[in-house]
Amino acid sequence: MAAMPRLILTCVILGVLFCTLWTPAFFVARHFWRKGDWGAMRALKVMCPLQLVLAGGLIFAADAAGFTNPAGYSIVIIVGVSLTGAAAFAAWRLLLGFIAR
């Protein structure tokens, strides 16, 4: 297989993984933004890099621990960090909304 199709495939896979990582938090922010919480989208500036650093750190930790299926644990970690981050983001925005009332 030539080098260019591997590079294109790698870029596509990375794009899909980034979309998987950040889409749930974006949908939660969009939900709050539509309800009138104008600061919800601004909070994504902090949330997205934190999710990326946490997922990367957990993937490196799993690799250092000696797990044998890198594709499997990478996908599980990315999906887990994504859903946990979206839930934490929603809880945080709800808490801020209750405090503001």
PDB file of N, CA and C in Angstrom:
ATOM      1  N   MET A   1       0.839  -1.176   0.000  1.00  0.00           N
ATOM      2  CA  MET A   1       0.000   0.000   0.000  1.00  0.00           C
ATOM      3  C   MET A   1       0.889   1.246   0.000  1.00  0.00           C
ATOM      4  N   ALA A   2       0.530   2.211  -0.787  1.00  0.00           N
ATOM      5  CA  ALA A   2       1.326   3.428  -0.910  1.00  0.00           C
ATOM      6  C   ALA A   2       1.197   4.291   0.345  1.00  0.00           C
ATOM      7  N   ALA A   3       2.113   5.234   0.497  1.00  0.00           N
ATOM      8  CA  ALA A   3       2.150   6.059   1.700  1.00  0.00           C
ATOM      9  C   ALA A   3       0.995   7.058   1.753  1.00  0.00           C
ATOM     10  N   MET A   4       0.586   7.591   0.616  1.00  0.00           N
ATOM     11  CA  MET A   4      -0.448   8.624   0.627  1.00  0.00           C
ATOM     12  C   MET A   4      -1.813   8.089   1.079  1.00  0.00           C
ATOM     13  N   PRO A   5      -2.280   6.928   0.619  1.00  0.00           N
ATOM     14  CA  PRO A   5      -3.564   6.444   1.135  1.00  0.00           C
ATOM     15  C   PRO A   5      -3.538   6.174   2.639  1.00  0.00           C
ATOM     16  N   ARG A   6      -2.397   5.738   3.173  1.00  0.00           N
ATOM     17  CA  ARG A   6      -2.296   5.554   4.621  1.00  0.00           C
ATOM     18  C   ARG A   6      -2.406   6.883   5.340  1.00  0.00           C
ATOM     19  N   LEU A   7      -1.800   7.910   4.784  1.00  0.00           N
ATOM     20  CA  LEU A   7      -1.869   9.238   5.388  1.00  0.00           C
ATOM     21  C   LEU A   7      -3.302   9.758   5.354  1.00  0.00           C
ATOM     22  N   ILE A   8      -3.975   9.579   4.241  1.00  0.00           N
ATOM     23  CA  ILE A   8      -5.365  10.029   4.125  1.00  0.00           C
ATOM     24  C   ILE A   8      -6.250   9.249   5.095  1.00  0.00           C
ATOM     25  N   LEU A   9      -6.052   7.951   5.199  1.00  0.00           N
ATOM     26  CA  LEU A   9      -6.821   7.135   6.123  1.00  0.00           C
ATOM     27  C   LEU A   9      -6.566   7.555   7.570  1.00  0.00           C
ATOM     28  N   THR A  10      -5.322   7.853   7.885  1.00  0.00           N
ATOM     29  CA  THR A  10      -4.990   8.310   9.233  1.00  0.00           C
ATOM     30  C   THR A  10      -5.670   9.634   9.540  1.00  0.00           C
ATOM     31  N   CYS A  11      -5.680  10.561   8.588  1.00  0.00           N
ATOM     32  CA  CYS A  11      -6.349  11.843   8.790  1.00  0.00           C
ATOM     33  C   CYS A  11      -7.850  11.674   8.968  1.00  0.00           C
ATOM     34  N   VAL A  12      -8.449  10.784   8.206  1.00  0.00           N
ATOM     35  CA  VAL A  12      -9.890  10.521   8.332  1.00  0.00           C
ATOM     36  C   VAL A  12     -10.206   9.914   9.697  1.00  0.00           C
ATOM     37  N   ILE A  13      -9.401   8.956  10.124  1.00  0.00           N
ATOM     38  CA  ILE A  13      -9.627   8.326  11.428  1.00  0.00           C
ATOM     39  C   ILE A  13      -9.467   9.347  12.552  1.00  0.00           C
ATOM     40  N   LEU A  14      -8.446  10.199  12.475  1.00  0.00           N
ATOM     41  CA  LEU A  14      -8.273  11.241  13.490  1.00  0.00           C
ATOM     42  C   LEU A  14      -9.448  12.217  13.502  1.00  0.00           C
ATOM     43  N   GLY A  15      -9.941  12.568  12.337  1.00  0.00           N
ATOM     44  CA  GLY A  15     -11.113  13.444  12.258  1.00  0.00           C
ATOM     45  C   GLY A  15     -12.335  12.823  12.910  1.00  0.00           C
ATOM     46  N   VAL A  16     -12.550  11.542  12.647  1.00  0.00           N
ATOM     47  CA  VAL A  16     -13.686  10.839  13.253  1.00  0.00           C
ATOM     48  C   VAL A  16     -13.518  10.767  14.771  1.00  0.00           C
ATOM     49  N   LEU A  17     -12.315  10.506  15.239  1.00  0.00           N
ATOM     50  CA  LEU A  17     -12.088  10.435  16.683  1.00  0.00           C
ATOM     51  C   LEU A  17     -12.266  11.797  17.357  1.00  0.00           C
ATOM     52  N   PHE A  18     -11.814  12.877  16.715  1.00  0.00           N
ATOM     53  CA  PHE A  18     -12.029  14.206  17.279  1.00  0.00           C
ATOM     54  C   PHE A  18     -13.513  14.547  17.306  1.00  0.00           C
ATOM     55  N   CYS A  19     -14.233  14.204  16.254  1.00  0.00           N
ATOM     56  CA  CYS A  19     -15.686  14.442  16.243  1.00  0.00           C
ATOM     57  C   CYS A  19     -16.367  13.629  17.333  1.00  0.00           C
ATOM     58  N   THR A  20     -15.925  12.397  17.520  1.00  0.00           N
ATOM     59  CA  THR A  20     -16.485  11.563  18.581  1.00  0.00           C
ATOM     60  C   THR A  20     -16.184  12.151  19.950  1.00  0.00           C
ATOM     61  N   LEU A  21     -15.027  12.730  20.111  1.00  0.00           N
ATOM     62  CA  LEU A  21     -14.624  13.285  21.393  1.00  0.00           C
ATOM     63  C   LEU A  21     -15.392  14.554  21.729  1.00  0.00           C
ATOM     64  N   TRP A  22     -15.619  15.431  20.763  1.00  0.00           N
ATOM     65  CA  TRP A  22     -16.149  16.755  21.067  1.00  0.00           C
ATOM     66  C   TRP A  22     -17.625  16.957  20.746  1.00  0.00           C
ATOM     67  N   THR A  23     -18.253  16.093  19.979  1.00  0.00           N
ATOM     68  CA  THR A  23     -19.642  16.307  19.579  1.00  0.00           C
ATOM     69  C   THR A  23     -20.620  16.294  20.748  1.00  0.00           C
ATOM     70  N   PRO A  24     -20.554  15.348  21.703  1.00  0.00           N
ATOM     71  CA  PRO A  24     -21.536  15.395  22.805  1.00  0.00           C
ATOM     72  C   PRO A  24     -21.465  16.686  23.628  1.00  0.00           C
ATOM     73  N   ALA A  25     -20.271  17.172  23.921  1.00  0.00           N
ATOM     74  CA  ALA A  25     -20.147  18.428  24.674  1.00  0.00           C
ATOM     75  C   ALA A  25     -20.681  19.601  23.856  1.00  0.00           C
ATOM     76  N   PHE A  26     -20.464  19.578  22.544  1.00  0.00           N
ATOM     77  CA  PHE A  26     -20.988  20.643  21.694  1.00  0.00           C
ATOM     78  C   PHE A  26     -22.515  20.632  21.684  1.00  0.00           C
ATOM     79  N   PHE A  27     -23.124  19.440  21.619  1.00  0.00           N
ATOM     80  CA  PHE A  27     -24.589  19.369  21.623  1.00  0.00           C
ATOM     81  C   PHE A  27     -25.169  19.836  22.956  1.00  0.00           C
ATOM     82  N   VAL A  28     -24.495  19.522  24.051  1.00  0.00           N
ATOM     83  CA  VAL A  28     -24.953  20.012  25.358  1.00  0.00           C
ATOM     84  C   VAL A  28     -24.844  21.534  25.409  1.00  0.00           C
ATOM     85  N   ALA A  29     -23.730  22.079  24.931  1.00  0.00           N
ATOM     86  CA  ALA A  29     -23.548  23.539  24.918  1.00  0.00           C
ATOM     87  C   ALA A  29     -24.584  24.206  24.023  1.00  0.00           C
ATOM     88  N   ARG A  30     -24.858  23.600  22.883  1.00  0.00           N
ATOM     89  CA  ARG A  30     -25.860  24.162  21.984  1.00  0.00           C
ATOM     90  C   ARG A  30     -27.252  24.138  22.618  1.00  0.00           C
ATOM     91  N   HIS A  31     -27.557  23.085  23.367  1.00  0.00           N
ATOM     92  CA  HIS A  31     -28.836  22.993  24.056  1.00  0.00           C
ATOM     93  C   HIS A  31     -28.984  24.142  25.057  1.00  0.00           C
ATOM     94  N   PHE A  32     -27.945  24.378  25.867  1.00  0.00           N
ATOM     95  CA  PHE A  32     -28.006  25.464  26.838  1.00  0.00           C
ATOM     96  C   PHE A  32     -28.009  26.830  26.160  1.00  0.00           C
ATOM     97  N   TRP A  33     -27.284  26.939  25.046  1.00  0.00           N
ATOM     98  CA  TRP A  33     -27.241  28.202  24.314  1.00  0.00           C
ATOM     99  C   TRP A  33     -28.626  28.548  23.762  1.00  0.00           C
ATOM    100  N   ARG A  34     -29.342  27.540  23.256  1.00  0.00           N
ATOM    101  CA  ARG A  34     -30.692  27.782  22.736  1.00  0.00           C
ATOM    102  C   ARG A  34     -31.675  28.139  23.838  1.00  0.00           C
ATOM    103  N   LYS A  35     -31.387  27.711  25.068  1.00  0.00           N
ATOM    104  CA  LYS A  35     -32.255  28.053  26.196  1.00  0.00           C
ATOM    105  C   LYS A  35     -31.914  29.416  26.787  1.00  0.00           C
ATOM    106  N   GLY A  36     -30.913  30.093  26.254  1.00  0.00           N
ATOM    107  CA  GLY A  36     -30.583  31.437  26.698  1.00  0.00           C
ATOM    108  C   GLY A  36     -29.326  31.545  27.540  1.00  0.00           C
ATOM    109  N   ASP A  37     -28.595  30.459  27.721  1.00  0.00           N
ATOM    110  CA  ASP A  37     -27.328  30.499  28.461  1.00  0.00           C
ATOM    111  C   ASP A  37     -26.221  30.848  27.466  1.00  0.00           C
ATOM    112  N   TRP A  38     -25.953  32.134  27.325  1.00  0.00           N
ATOM    113  CA  TRP A  38     -25.048  32.602  26.282  1.00  0.00           C
ATOM    114  C   TRP A  38     -23.598  32.230  26.557  1.00  0.00           C
ATOM    115  N   GLY A  39     -23.262  31.893  27.773  1.00  0.00           N
ATOM    116  CA  GLY A  39     -21.890  31.535  28.102  1.00  0.00           C
ATOM    117  C   GLY A  39     -21.557  30.072  27.847  1.00  0.00           C
ATOM    118  N   ALA A  40     -22.539  29.286  27.445  1.00  0.00           N
ATOM    119  CA  ALA A  40     -22.299  27.851  27.268  1.00  0.00           C
ATOM    120  C   ALA A  40     -21.299  27.572  26.142  1.00  0.00           C
ATOM    121  N   MET A  41     -21.412  28.281  25.055  1.00  0.00           N
ATOM    122  CA  MET A  41     -20.482  28.053  23.937  1.00  0.00           C
ATOM    123  C   MET A  41     -19.069  28.550  24.277  1.00  0.00           C
ATOM    124  N   ARG A  42     -18.974  29.613  25.055  1.00  0.00           N
ATOM    125  CA  ARG A  42     -17.650  30.115  25.438  1.00  0.00           C
ATOM    126  C   ARG A  42     -16.912  29.116  26.310  1.00  0.00           C
ATOM    127  N   ALA A  43     -17.653  28.336  27.081  1.00  0.00           N
ATOM    128  CA  ALA A  43     -17.024  27.367  27.975  1.00  0.00           C
ATOM    129  C   ALA A  43     -16.370  26.217  27.209  1.00  0.00           C
ATOM    130  N   LEU A  44     -16.738  26.042  25.951  1.00  0.00           N
ATOM    131  CA  LEU A  44     -16.119  24.979  25.144  1.00  0.00           C
ATOM    132  C   LEU A  44     -14.644  25.258  24.870  1.00  0.00           C
ATOM    133  N   LYS A  45     -14.222  26.526  24.973  1.00  0.00           N
ATOM    134  CA  LYS A  45     -12.805  26.843  24.787  1.00  0.00           C
ATOM    135  C   LYS A  45     -11.944  26.129  25.814  1.00  0.00           C
ATOM    136  N   VAL A  46     -12.500  25.887  26.980  1.00  0.00           N
ATOM    137  CA  VAL A  46     -11.776  25.196  28.043  1.00  0.00           C
ATOM    138  C   VAL A  46     -12.072  23.703  28.009  1.00  0.00           C
ATOM    139  N   MET A  47     -13.322  23.354  27.721  1.00  0.00           N
ATOM    140  CA  MET A  47     -13.765  21.961  27.805  1.00  0.00           C
ATOM    141  C   MET A  47     -13.088  21.075  26.754  1.00  0.00           C
ATOM    142  N   CYS A  48     -12.998  21.534  25.535  1.00  0.00           N
ATOM    143  CA  CYS A  48     -12.447  20.692  24.462  1.00  0.00           C
ATOM    144  C   CYS A  48     -10.963  20.362  24.665  1.00  0.00           C
ATOM    145  N   PRO A  49     -10.103  21.334  24.982  1.00  0.00           N
ATOM    146  CA  PRO A  49      -8.708  20.954  25.250  1.00  0.00           C
ATOM    147  C   PRO A  49      -8.551  20.056  26.477  1.00  0.00           C
ATOM    148  N   LEU A  50      -9.386  20.265  27.498  1.00  0.00           N
ATOM    149  CA  LEU A  50      -9.309  19.393  28.671  1.00  0.00           C
ATOM    150  C   LEU A  50      -9.669  17.952  28.317  1.00  0.00           C
ATOM    151  N   GLN A  51     -10.687  17.777  27.492  1.00  0.00           N
ATOM    152  CA  GLN A  51     -11.051  16.426  27.064  1.00  0.00           C
ATOM    153  C   GLN A  51      -9.928  15.795  26.255  1.00  0.00           C
ATOM    154  N   LEU A  52      -9.301  16.566  25.389  1.00  0.00           N
ATOM    155  CA  LEU A  52      -8.218  16.039  24.573  1.00  0.00           C
ATOM    156  C   LEU A  52      -7.033  15.614  25.432  1.00  0.00           C
ATOM    157  N   VAL A  53      -6.659  16.437  26.405  1.00  0.00           N
ATOM    158  CA  VAL A  53      -5.529  16.112  27.282  1.00  0.00           C
ATOM    159  C   VAL A  53      -5.854  14.890  28.136  1.00  0.00           C
ATOM    160  N   LEU A  54      -7.082  14.817  28.668  1.00  0.00           N
ATOM    161  CA  LEU A  54      -7.470  13.675  29.494  1.00  0.00           C
ATOM    162  C   LEU A  54      -7.484  12.384  28.685  1.00  0.00           C
ATOM    163  N   ALA A  55      -8.049  12.425  27.483  1.00  0.00           N
ATOM    164  CA  ALA A  55      -8.081  11.222  26.645  1.00  0.00           C
ATOM    165  C   ALA A  55      -6.665  10.791  26.267  1.00  0.00           C
ATOM    166  N   GLY A  56      -5.837  11.737  25.887  1.00  0.00           N
ATOM    167  CA  GLY A  56      -4.450  11.398  25.538  1.00  0.00           C
ATOM    168  C   GLY A  56      -3.693  10.814  26.713  1.00  0.00           C
ATOM    169  N   GLY A  57      -3.861  11.410  27.891  1.00  0.00           N
ATOM    170  CA  GLY A  57      -3.194  10.890  29.077  1.00  0.00           C
ATOM    171  C   GLY A  57      -3.654   9.488  29.439  1.00  0.00           C
ATOM    172  N   LEU A  58      -4.959   9.248  29.335  1.00  0.00           N
ATOM    173  CA  LEU A  58      -5.464   7.910  29.641  1.00  0.00           C
ATOM    174  C   LEU A  58      -4.997   6.879  28.616  1.00  0.00           C
ATOM    175  N   ILE A  59      -4.896   7.275  27.360  1.00  0.00           N
ATOM    176  CA  ILE A  59      -4.409   6.347  26.333  1.00  0.00           C
ATOM    177  C   ILE A  59      -2.945   6.010  26.575  1.00  0.00           C
ATOM    178  N   PHE A  60      -2.137   7.018  26.910  1.00  0.00           N
ATOM    179  CA  PHE A  60      -0.735   6.736  27.217  1.00  0.00           C
ATOM    180  C   PHE A  60      -0.593   5.893  28.478  1.00  0.00           C
ATOM    181  N   ALA A  61      -1.445   6.127  29.470  1.00  0.00           N
ATOM    182  CA  ALA A  61      -1.404   5.324  30.697  1.00  0.00           C
ATOM    183  C   ALA A  61      -1.801   3.880  30.412  1.00  0.00           C
ATOM    184  N   ALA A  62      -2.794   3.689  29.559  1.00  0.00           N
ATOM    185  CA  ALA A  62      -3.205   2.328  29.211  1.00  0.00           C
ATOM    186  C   ALA A  62      -2.101   1.619  28.437  1.00  0.00           C
ATOM    187  N   ASP A  63      -1.406   2.344  27.592  1.00  0.00           N
ATOM    188  CA  ASP A  63      -0.290   1.757  26.857  1.00  0.00           C
ATOM    189  C   ASP A  63       0.847   1.397  27.802  1.00  0.00           C
ATOM    190  N   ALA A  64       1.130   2.272  28.771  1.00  0.00           N
ATOM    191  CA  ALA A  64       2.190   1.989  29.736  1.00  0.00           C
ATOM    192  C   ALA A  64       1.822   0.835  30.666  1.00  0.00           C
ATOM    193  N   ALA A  65       0.516   0.636  30.890  1.00  0.00           N
ATOM    194  CA  ALA A  65       0.066  -0.460  31.747  1.00  0.00           C
ATOM    195  C   ALA A  65       0.175  -1.809  31.034  1.00  0.00           C
ATOM    196  N   GLY A  66       0.373  -1.791  29.733  1.00  0.00           N
ATOM    197  CA  GLY A  66       0.604  -3.027  28.993  1.00  0.00           C
ATOM    198  C   GLY A  66      -0.635  -3.648  28.378  1.00  0.00           C
ATOM    199  N   PHE A  67      -1.698  -2.870  28.180  1.00  0.00           N
ATOM    200  CA  PHE A  67      -2.874  -3.421  27.512  1.00  0.00           C
ATOM    201  C   PHE A  67      -2.509  -3.801  26.082  1.00  0.00           C
ATOM    202  N   THR A  68      -3.142  -4.840  25.573  1.00  0.00           N
ATOM    203  CA  THR A  68      -2.681  -5.423  24.314  1.00  0.00           C
ATOM    204  C   THR A  68      -3.491  -5.016  23.087  1.00  0.00           C
ATOM    205  N   ASN A  69      -4.594  -4.311  23.225  1.00  0.00           N
ATOM    206  CA  ASN A  69      -5.410  -3.944  22.071  1.00  0.00           C
ATOM    207  C   ASN A  69      -5.503  -2.418  21.982  1.00  0.00           C
ATOM    208  N   PRO A  70      -4.525  -1.769  21.340  1.00  0.00           N
ATOM    209  CA  PRO A  70      -4.497  -0.304  21.334  1.00  0.00           C
ATOM    210  C   PRO A  70      -5.716   0.340  20.676  1.00  0.00           C
ATOM    211  N   ALA A  71      -6.205  -0.239  19.594  1.00  0.00           N
ATOM    212  CA  ALA A  71      -7.375   0.349  18.936  1.00  0.00           C
ATOM    213  C   ALA A  71      -8.598   0.250  19.839  1.00  0.00           C
ATOM    214  N   GLY A  72      -8.756  -0.866  20.487  1.00  0.00           N
ATOM    215  CA  GLY A  72      -9.916  -1.075  21.350  1.00  0.00           C
ATOM    216  C   GLY A  72      -9.935  -0.140  22.539  1.00  0.00           C
ATOM    217  N   TYR A  73      -8.815  -0.085  23.283  1.00  0.00           N
ATOM    218  CA  TYR A  73      -8.841   0.783  24.461  1.00  0.00           C
ATOM    219  C   TYR A  73      -8.822   2.253  24.084  1.00  0.00           C
ATOM    220  N   SER A  74      -8.284   2.600  22.937  1.00  0.00           N
ATOM    221  CA  SER A  74      -8.322   4.004  22.509  1.00  0.00           C
ATOM    222  C   SER A  74      -9.756   4.446  22.232  1.00  0.00           C
ATOM    223  N   ILE A  75     -10.510   3.616  21.536  1.00  0.00           N
ATOM    224  CA  ILE A  75     -11.899   3.963  21.225  1.00  0.00           C
ATOM    225  C   ILE A  75     -12.735   4.018  22.498  1.00  0.00           C
ATOM    226  N   VAL A  76     -12.545   3.042  23.386  1.00  0.00           N
ATOM    227  CA  VAL A  76     -13.306   3.031  24.640  1.00  0.00           C
ATOM    228  C   VAL A  76     -12.978   4.256  25.489  1.00  0.00           C
ATOM    229  N   ILE A  77     -11.720   4.618  25.563  1.00  0.00           N
ATOM    230  CA  ILE A  77     -11.324   5.795  26.353  1.00  0.00           C
ATOM    231  C   ILE A  77     -11.907   7.066  25.736  1.00  0.00           C
ATOM    232  N   ILE A  78     -11.843   7.205  24.422  1.00  0.00           N
ATOM    233  CA  ILE A  78     -12.361   8.412  23.772  1.00  0.00           C
ATOM    234  C   ILE A  78     -13.866   8.539  23.964  1.00  0.00           C
ATOM    235  N   VAL A  79     -14.598   7.441  23.788  1.00  0.00           N
ATOM    236  CA  VAL A  79     -16.050   7.493  23.981  1.00  0.00           C
ATOM    237  C   VAL A  79     -16.382   7.767  25.454  1.00  0.00           C
ATOM    238  N   GLY A  80     -15.652   7.127  26.365  1.00  0.00           N
ATOM    239  CA  GLY A  80     -15.897   7.354  27.787  1.00  0.00           C
ATOM    240  C   GLY A  80     -15.615   8.776  28.215  1.00  0.00           C
ATOM    241  N   VAL A  81     -14.493   9.327  27.776  1.00  0.00           N
ATOM    242  CA  VAL A  81     -14.156  10.716  28.112  1.00  0.00           C
ATOM    243  C   VAL A  81     -15.172  11.671  27.491  1.00  0.00           C
ATOM    244  N   SER A  82     -15.619  11.373  26.285  1.00  0.00           N
ATOM    245  CA  SER A  82     -16.584  12.214  25.598  1.00  0.00           C
ATOM    246  C   SER A  82     -17.912  12.269  26.352  1.00  0.00           C
ATOM    247  N   LEU A  83     -18.445  11.114  26.710  1.00  0.00           N
ATOM    248  CA  LEU A  83     -19.741  11.077  27.391  1.00  0.00           C
ATOM    249  C   LEU A  83     -19.644  11.607  28.817  1.00  0.00           C
ATOM    250  N   THR A  84     -18.556  11.275  29.503  1.00  0.00           N
ATOM    251  CA  THR A  84     -18.366  11.786  30.858  1.00  0.00           C
ATOM    252  C   THR A  84     -18.181  13.305  30.843  1.00  0.00           C
ATOM    253  N   GLY A  85     -17.430  13.809  29.878  1.00  0.00           N
ATOM    254  CA  GLY A  85     -17.241  15.256  29.767  1.00  0.00           C
ATOM    255  C   GLY A  85     -18.536  15.983  29.456  1.00  0.00           C
ATOM    256  N   ALA A  86     -19.365  15.407  28.581  1.00  0.00           N
ATOM    257  CA  ALA A  86     -20.649  16.039  28.264  1.00  0.00           C
ATOM    258  C   ALA A  86     -21.566  16.044  29.484  1.00  0.00           C
ATOM    259  N   ALA A  87     -21.580  14.946  30.238  1.00  0.00           N
ATOM    260  CA  ALA A  87     -22.412  14.890  31.447  1.00  0.00           C
ATOM    261  C   ALA A  87     -21.915  15.870  32.503  1.00  0.00           C
ATOM    262  N   ALA A  88     -20.604  15.957  32.682  1.00  0.00           N
ATOM    263  CA  ALA A  88     -20.047  16.904  33.653  1.00  0.00           C
ATOM    264  C   ALA A  88     -20.308  18.347  33.216  1.00  0.00           C
ATOM    265  N   PHE A  89     -20.213  18.609  31.916  1.00  0.00           N
ATOM    266  CA  PHE A  89     -20.475  19.947  31.398  1.00  0.00           C
ATOM    267  C   PHE A  89     -21.934  20.328  31.631  1.00  0.00           C
ATOM    268  N   ALA A  90     -22.851  19.396  31.386  1.00  0.00           N
ATOM    269  CA  ALA A  90     -24.273  19.668  31.609  1.00  0.00           C
ATOM    270  C   ALA A  90     -24.555  19.910  33.087  1.00  0.00           C
ATOM    271  N   ALA A  91     -23.970  19.098  33.956  1.00  0.00           N
ATOM    272  CA  ALA A  91     -24.179  19.287  35.396  1.00  0.00           C
ATOM    273  C   ALA A  91     -23.621  20.630  35.858  1.00  0.00           C
ATOM    274  N   TRP A  92     -22.477  21.018  35.328  1.00  0.00           N
ATOM    275  CA  TRP A  92     -21.864  22.282  35.690  1.00  0.00           C
ATOM    276  C   TRP A  92     -22.728  23.460  35.247  1.00  0.00           C
ATOM    277  N   ARG A  93     -23.230  23.412  34.017  1.00  0.00           N
ATOM    278  CA  ARG A  93     -24.058  24.509  33.519  1.00  0.00           C
ATOM    279  C   ARG A  93     -25.385  24.571  34.271  1.00  0.00           C
ATOM    280  N   LEU A  94     -25.959  23.404  34.628  1.00  0.00           N
ATOM    281  CA  LEU A  94     -27.185  23.406  35.424  1.00  0.00           C
ATOM    282  C   LEU A  94     -26.932  23.997  36.806  1.00  0.00           C
ATOM    283  N   LEU A  95     -25.804  23.638  37.412  1.00  0.00           N
ATOM    284  CA  LEU A  95     -25.466  24.185  38.722  1.00  0.00           C
ATOM    285  C   LEU A  95     -25.283  25.698  38.663  1.00  0.00           C
ATOM    286  N   LEU A  96     -24.617  26.181  37.614  1.00  0.00           N
ATOM    287  CA  LEU A  96     -24.463  27.630  37.452  1.00  0.00           C
ATOM    288  C   LEU A  96     -25.808  28.315  37.250  1.00  0.00           C
ATOM    289  N   GLY A  97     -26.714  27.640  36.550  1.00  0.00           N
ATOM    290  CA  GLY A  97     -28.050  28.203  36.346  1.00  0.00           C
ATOM    291  C   GLY A  97     -28.839  28.289  37.647  1.00  0.00           C
ATOM    292  N   PHE A  98     -28.713  27.268  38.510  1.00  0.00           N
ATOM    293  CA  PHE A  98     -29.411  27.306  39.786  1.00  0.00           C
ATOM    294  C   PHE A  98     -28.823  28.352  40.717  1.00  0.00           C
ATOM    295  N   ILE A  99     -27.505  28.517  40.672  1.00  0.00           N
ATOM    296  CA  ILE A  99     -26.865  29.523  41.516  1.00  0.00           C
ATOM    297  C   ILE A  99     -27.263  30.929  41.083  1.00  0.00           C
ATOM    298  N   ALA A 100     -27.422  31.142  39.790  1.00  0.00           N
ATOM    299  CA  ALA A 100     -27.728  32.463  39.260  1.00  0.00           C
ATOM    300  C   ALA A 100     -29.169  32.887  39.577  1.00  0.00           C
ATOM    301  N   ARG A 101     -30.034  31.940  39.876  1.00  0.00           N
ATOM    302  CA  ARG A 101     -31.435  32.300  40.143  1.00  0.00           C
ATOM    303  C   ARG A 101     -31.635  32.937  41.453  1.00  0.00           C
TER     304      ARG A 101
END
